[in-house]
N, C-alpha and C. Protein backbone atom coordinates (compact mmCIF):
# COMPACT_ATOMS: atom_id res chain seq x y z
N MET A 1 3.20 -9.46 14.00
CA MET A 1 2.16 -8.57 14.48
C MET A 1 0.78 -9.22 14.30
N GLY A 2 0.55 -9.93 13.20
CA GLY A 2 -0.73 -10.61 13.00
C GLY A 2 -1.79 -9.71 12.41
N ALA A 3 -3.00 -10.21 12.42
CA ALA A 3 -4.14 -9.50 11.83
C ALA A 3 -4.42 -8.20 12.58
N VAL A 4 -4.88 -7.22 11.82
CA VAL A 4 -5.25 -5.92 12.36
C VAL A 4 -6.67 -5.61 11.91
N SER A 5 -7.49 -5.15 12.83
CA SER A 5 -8.83 -4.68 12.48
C SER A 5 -8.83 -3.16 12.53
N ALA A 6 -9.14 -2.57 11.39
CA ALA A 6 -9.25 -1.11 11.30
C ALA A 6 -10.72 -0.75 11.41
N ILE A 7 -11.05 0.08 12.38
CA ILE A 7 -12.41 0.56 12.56
C ILE A 7 -12.45 1.98 12.02
N ASN A 8 -13.12 2.14 10.88
CA ASN A 8 -13.23 3.44 10.22
C ASN A 8 -14.58 4.05 10.53
N MET A 9 -14.58 5.34 10.87
CA MET A 9 -15.81 6.06 11.15
C MET A 9 -15.78 7.34 10.32
N PHE A 10 -16.93 7.67 9.70
CA PHE A 10 -16.95 8.87 8.86
C PHE A 10 -18.36 9.34 8.59
N SER A 11 -18.45 10.56 8.05
CA SER A 11 -19.72 11.19 7.68
C SER A 11 -19.86 11.22 6.17
N LEU A 12 -21.10 11.17 5.74
CA LEU A 12 -21.39 11.29 4.32
C LEU A 12 -21.44 12.78 3.94
N ARG A 13 -21.17 13.06 2.68
CA ARG A 13 -21.27 14.43 2.19
C ARG A 13 -22.73 14.89 2.27
N PRO A 14 -22.95 16.19 2.43
CA PRO A 14 -24.33 16.71 2.42
C PRO A 14 -25.05 16.27 1.13
N GLY A 15 -26.27 15.80 1.31
CA GLY A 15 -27.06 15.37 0.15
C GLY A 15 -26.89 13.91 -0.21
N VAL A 16 -25.86 13.25 0.31
CA VAL A 16 -25.66 11.82 0.06
C VAL A 16 -26.51 11.04 1.04
N THR A 17 -27.28 10.10 0.52
CA THR A 17 -28.16 9.31 1.39
C THR A 17 -27.47 8.03 1.85
N ALA A 18 -27.99 7.49 2.94
CA ALA A 18 -27.49 6.21 3.42
C ALA A 18 -27.68 5.13 2.36
N ALA A 19 -28.78 5.20 1.62
CA ALA A 19 -29.05 4.22 0.57
C ALA A 19 -28.00 4.29 -0.54
N GLN A 20 -27.55 5.48 -0.89
CA GLN A 20 -26.50 5.61 -1.90
C GLN A 20 -25.21 4.98 -1.42
N PHE A 21 -24.85 5.23 -0.16
CA PHE A 21 -23.62 4.64 0.36
C PHE A 21 -23.77 3.13 0.47
N GLU A 22 -24.93 2.67 0.91
CA GLU A 22 -25.17 1.24 1.05
C GLU A 22 -25.01 0.53 -0.30
N ALA A 23 -25.54 1.12 -1.36
CA ALA A 23 -25.41 0.53 -2.70
C ALA A 23 -23.95 0.46 -3.11
N PHE A 24 -23.20 1.54 -2.89
CA PHE A 24 -21.77 1.55 -3.20
C PHE A 24 -21.03 0.46 -2.43
N SER A 25 -21.35 0.34 -1.15
CA SER A 25 -20.66 -0.62 -0.30
C SER A 25 -20.93 -2.05 -0.76
N ILE A 26 -22.20 -2.35 -1.04
CA ILE A 26 -22.60 -3.71 -1.42
C ILE A 26 -22.14 -4.06 -2.83
N GLU A 27 -22.25 -3.12 -3.75
CA GLU A 27 -21.99 -3.41 -5.16
C GLU A 27 -20.53 -3.26 -5.58
N LEU A 28 -19.78 -2.40 -4.89
CA LEU A 28 -18.41 -2.11 -5.35
C LEU A 28 -17.36 -2.28 -4.25
N ASP A 29 -17.53 -1.60 -3.15
CA ASP A 29 -16.47 -1.54 -2.13
C ASP A 29 -16.20 -2.91 -1.49
N GLN A 30 -17.21 -3.52 -0.90
CA GLN A 30 -16.99 -4.81 -0.23
C GLN A 30 -16.53 -5.90 -1.19
N PRO A 31 -17.19 -6.07 -2.35
CA PRO A 31 -16.72 -7.14 -3.25
C PRO A 31 -15.29 -6.94 -3.73
N THR A 32 -14.90 -5.69 -3.98
CA THR A 32 -13.53 -5.43 -4.44
C THR A 32 -12.53 -5.78 -3.34
N CYS A 33 -12.79 -5.30 -2.13
CA CYS A 33 -11.87 -5.56 -1.02
C CYS A 33 -11.79 -7.05 -0.70
N LEU A 34 -12.94 -7.70 -0.63
CA LEU A 34 -12.97 -9.11 -0.24
C LEU A 34 -12.44 -10.05 -1.32
N ALA A 35 -12.21 -9.53 -2.52
CA ALA A 35 -11.64 -10.34 -3.60
C ALA A 35 -10.16 -10.63 -3.36
N PHE A 36 -9.54 -9.89 -2.45
CA PHE A 36 -8.11 -10.05 -2.16
C PHE A 36 -7.96 -10.77 -0.82
N ASP A 37 -7.09 -11.79 -0.79
CA ASP A 37 -7.00 -12.61 0.41
C ASP A 37 -6.35 -11.92 1.60
N VAL A 38 -5.74 -10.75 1.42
CA VAL A 38 -5.21 -10.01 2.56
C VAL A 38 -6.36 -9.51 3.46
N VAL A 39 -7.54 -9.34 2.86
CA VAL A 39 -8.71 -8.88 3.62
C VAL A 39 -9.43 -10.11 4.17
N GLU A 40 -9.42 -10.24 5.48
CA GLU A 40 -10.04 -11.39 6.15
C GLU A 40 -11.53 -11.19 6.38
N SER A 41 -11.93 -9.97 6.65
CA SER A 41 -13.36 -9.66 6.83
C SER A 41 -13.58 -8.17 6.63
N PHE A 42 -14.83 -7.82 6.30
CA PHE A 42 -15.17 -6.42 6.05
C PHE A 42 -16.65 -6.27 6.37
N GLU A 43 -16.95 -5.55 7.44
CA GLU A 43 -18.34 -5.32 7.85
C GLU A 43 -18.61 -3.82 7.81
N VAL A 44 -19.81 -3.48 7.40
CA VAL A 44 -20.20 -2.07 7.28
C VAL A 44 -21.49 -1.86 8.04
N TYR A 45 -21.54 -0.79 8.83
CA TYR A 45 -22.71 -0.46 9.64
C TYR A 45 -23.11 0.98 9.36
N LEU A 46 -24.41 1.19 9.12
CA LEU A 46 -24.96 2.54 9.01
C LEU A 46 -25.43 2.95 10.39
N VAL A 47 -25.05 4.13 10.83
CA VAL A 47 -25.41 4.62 12.16
C VAL A 47 -26.84 5.12 12.12
N GLU A 48 -27.66 4.62 13.04
CA GLU A 48 -29.05 5.05 13.15
C GLU A 48 -29.14 6.23 14.10
N GLY A 49 -30.00 7.17 13.79
CA GLY A 49 -30.18 8.32 14.66
C GLY A 49 -28.99 9.26 14.58
N ASP A 50 -28.79 10.04 15.63
CA ASP A 50 -27.71 11.03 15.66
C ASP A 50 -26.43 10.36 16.13
N GLY A 51 -25.53 10.12 15.21
CA GLY A 51 -24.25 9.51 15.54
C GLY A 51 -23.17 10.54 15.77
N HIS A 52 -23.56 11.78 16.12
CA HIS A 52 -22.59 12.86 16.32
C HIS A 52 -21.69 12.99 15.10
N ARG A 53 -22.34 13.09 13.95
CA ARG A 53 -21.67 13.28 12.66
C ARG A 53 -20.89 12.06 12.21
N VAL A 54 -21.19 10.92 12.74
CA VAL A 54 -20.68 9.67 12.21
C VAL A 54 -21.87 8.97 11.58
N ASP A 55 -21.78 8.74 10.27
CA ASP A 55 -22.87 8.10 9.55
C ASP A 55 -22.59 6.64 9.26
N VAL A 56 -21.31 6.29 9.16
CA VAL A 56 -20.92 4.94 8.77
C VAL A 56 -19.77 4.47 9.65
N VAL A 57 -19.82 3.20 10.03
CA VAL A 57 -18.72 2.54 10.72
C VAL A 57 -18.37 1.30 9.91
N GLU A 58 -17.11 1.18 9.55
CA GLU A 58 -16.62 0.00 8.83
C GLU A 58 -15.58 -0.69 9.69
N ILE A 59 -15.64 -2.01 9.71
CA ILE A 59 -14.62 -2.79 10.42
C ILE A 59 -14.01 -3.75 9.41
N MET A 60 -12.76 -3.50 9.10
CA MET A 60 -12.04 -4.34 8.14
C MET A 60 -10.87 -5.00 8.85
N THR A 61 -10.80 -6.31 8.75
CA THR A 61 -9.68 -7.05 9.32
C THR A 61 -8.80 -7.53 8.19
N VAL A 62 -7.52 -7.19 8.29
CA VAL A 62 -6.54 -7.58 7.28
C VAL A 62 -5.40 -8.32 7.96
N ARG A 63 -4.77 -9.23 7.21
CA ARG A 63 -3.69 -10.01 7.83
C ARG A 63 -2.43 -9.18 8.01
N SER A 64 -2.27 -8.11 7.21
CA SER A 64 -1.10 -7.25 7.30
C SER A 64 -1.49 -5.85 6.83
N TRP A 65 -1.35 -4.86 7.71
CA TRP A 65 -1.72 -3.49 7.31
C TRP A 65 -0.81 -2.97 6.20
N PRO A 66 0.51 -3.13 6.26
CA PRO A 66 1.34 -2.65 5.15
C PRO A 66 0.99 -3.32 3.82
N GLU A 67 0.69 -4.60 3.84
CA GLU A 67 0.29 -5.30 2.61
C GLU A 67 -1.03 -4.72 2.08
N TRP A 68 -1.98 -4.46 2.97
CA TRP A 68 -3.25 -3.87 2.57
C TRP A 68 -3.05 -2.49 1.97
N GLU A 69 -2.25 -1.64 2.63
CA GLU A 69 -2.01 -0.29 2.12
C GLU A 69 -1.39 -0.32 0.72
N SER A 70 -0.43 -1.20 0.53
CA SER A 70 0.21 -1.31 -0.78
C SER A 70 -0.80 -1.73 -1.85
N LEU A 71 -1.62 -2.69 -1.52
CA LEU A 71 -2.65 -3.15 -2.45
C LEU A 71 -3.64 -2.03 -2.76
N ARG A 72 -4.17 -1.41 -1.72
CA ARG A 72 -5.16 -0.33 -1.87
C ARG A 72 -4.61 0.81 -2.73
N ASP A 73 -3.34 1.14 -2.52
CA ASP A 73 -2.75 2.29 -3.20
C ASP A 73 -2.23 1.98 -4.60
N ASN A 74 -2.07 0.70 -4.95
CA ASN A 74 -1.44 0.36 -6.23
C ASN A 74 -2.27 -0.51 -7.16
N ALA A 75 -3.21 -1.26 -6.65
CA ALA A 75 -3.98 -2.15 -7.52
C ALA A 75 -5.01 -1.33 -8.31
N PRO A 76 -5.05 -1.51 -9.62
CA PRO A 76 -5.99 -0.72 -10.44
C PRO A 76 -7.45 -0.98 -10.11
N GLU A 77 -7.76 -2.12 -9.52
CA GLU A 77 -9.13 -2.43 -9.13
C GLU A 77 -9.70 -1.42 -8.13
N PHE A 78 -8.81 -0.73 -7.38
CA PHE A 78 -9.27 0.19 -6.36
C PHE A 78 -9.51 1.62 -6.87
N THR A 79 -9.13 1.92 -8.10
CA THR A 79 -9.33 3.27 -8.63
C THR A 79 -10.80 3.68 -8.59
N PRO A 80 -11.74 2.86 -9.12
CA PRO A 80 -13.14 3.28 -9.04
C PRO A 80 -13.69 3.29 -7.62
N VAL A 81 -13.19 2.42 -6.77
CA VAL A 81 -13.64 2.38 -5.37
C VAL A 81 -13.25 3.68 -4.67
N LEU A 82 -12.00 4.06 -4.78
CA LEU A 82 -11.51 5.26 -4.10
C LEU A 82 -12.17 6.52 -4.66
N ARG A 83 -12.40 6.55 -5.98
CA ARG A 83 -13.05 7.70 -6.61
C ARG A 83 -14.47 7.86 -6.07
N ARG A 84 -15.24 6.76 -6.05
CA ARG A 84 -16.63 6.83 -5.58
C ARG A 84 -16.70 7.12 -4.08
N PHE A 85 -15.80 6.54 -3.31
CA PHE A 85 -15.74 6.83 -1.88
C PHE A 85 -15.58 8.34 -1.66
N ALA A 86 -14.68 8.96 -2.41
CA ALA A 86 -14.44 10.41 -2.26
C ALA A 86 -15.66 11.23 -2.66
N GLU A 87 -16.47 10.72 -3.58
CA GLU A 87 -17.69 11.42 -3.97
C GLU A 87 -18.77 11.35 -2.89
N LEU A 88 -18.77 10.29 -2.12
CA LEU A 88 -19.83 10.05 -1.14
C LEU A 88 -19.49 10.52 0.27
N VAL A 89 -18.21 10.55 0.62
CA VAL A 89 -17.77 10.73 2.01
C VAL A 89 -17.04 12.05 2.18
N GLU A 90 -17.31 12.72 3.30
CA GLU A 90 -16.51 13.89 3.70
C GLU A 90 -15.17 13.36 4.20
N LEU A 91 -14.15 13.45 3.35
CA LEU A 91 -12.88 12.80 3.65
C LEU A 91 -12.22 13.31 4.92
N ASP A 92 -12.45 14.58 5.28
CA ASP A 92 -11.82 15.11 6.49
C ASP A 92 -12.49 14.58 7.77
N THR A 93 -13.58 13.81 7.64
CA THR A 93 -14.22 13.24 8.83
C THR A 93 -13.77 11.81 9.09
N VAL A 94 -13.00 11.23 8.19
CA VAL A 94 -12.58 9.83 8.35
C VAL A 94 -11.61 9.71 9.51
N SER A 95 -11.93 8.82 10.44
CA SER A 95 -10.99 8.51 11.52
C SER A 95 -10.89 6.99 11.62
N THR A 96 -9.71 6.52 11.98
CA THR A 96 -9.46 5.09 12.02
C THR A 96 -8.84 4.70 13.35
N LEU A 97 -9.38 3.64 13.94
CA LEU A 97 -8.80 3.01 15.12
C LEU A 97 -8.21 1.69 14.67
N PHE A 98 -6.95 1.46 14.98
CA PHE A 98 -6.30 0.18 14.66
C PHE A 98 -6.37 -0.69 15.90
N THR A 99 -6.97 -1.86 15.76
CA THR A 99 -7.22 -2.71 16.92
C THR A 99 -6.76 -4.13 16.65
N ARG A 100 -6.67 -4.89 17.71
CA ARG A 100 -6.45 -6.33 17.59
C ARG A 100 -7.45 -7.01 18.50
N HIS A 101 -7.92 -8.14 18.06
CA HIS A 101 -8.94 -8.87 18.79
C HIS A 101 -8.33 -9.53 20.02
N VAL A 102 -9.00 -9.42 21.13
CA VAL A 102 -8.57 -10.07 22.36
C VAL A 102 -9.28 -11.41 22.43
N THR A 103 -8.50 -12.47 22.47
CA THR A 103 -9.09 -13.82 22.52
C THR A 103 -8.73 -14.47 23.85
N PRO A 104 -9.68 -15.21 24.40
CA PRO A 104 -9.40 -15.89 25.67
C PRO A 104 -8.36 -17.00 25.48
N ILE A 105 -7.61 -17.25 26.54
CA ILE A 105 -6.63 -18.33 26.52
C ILE A 105 -7.38 -19.64 26.68
N GLU A 106 -7.07 -20.56 25.82
CA GLU A 106 -7.72 -21.88 25.90
C GLU A 106 -7.15 -22.65 27.07
N GLU A 107 -8.06 -23.24 27.85
CA GLU A 107 -7.63 -24.07 28.97
C GLU A 107 -7.47 -25.51 28.51
N ASN A 108 -6.48 -26.19 29.03
CA ASN A 108 -6.27 -27.61 28.67
C ASN A 108 -6.97 -28.51 29.62
């Protein structure tokens, strides 16, 4: 199947600022995720203006989704990440698109 890019979109809890989420992302979430080689890339975008209740878009590419899920759900390093994420994000607003990158065929 190859690498999968998960595009996560979600809203912050009332009273949570973009700066609070940005600090969490930079200081805890991204470094923890990127410390594991299953995670190939992790980009985070704050939505400017009215994003129709989407405040954050994350694009994470992993080499194997089942391997990532197992790691996320079982590695103790993710306990503080998941706890803080739940404090900042309205969990019922999280939606995920699973995608694969379309690459052009190389010509010889």
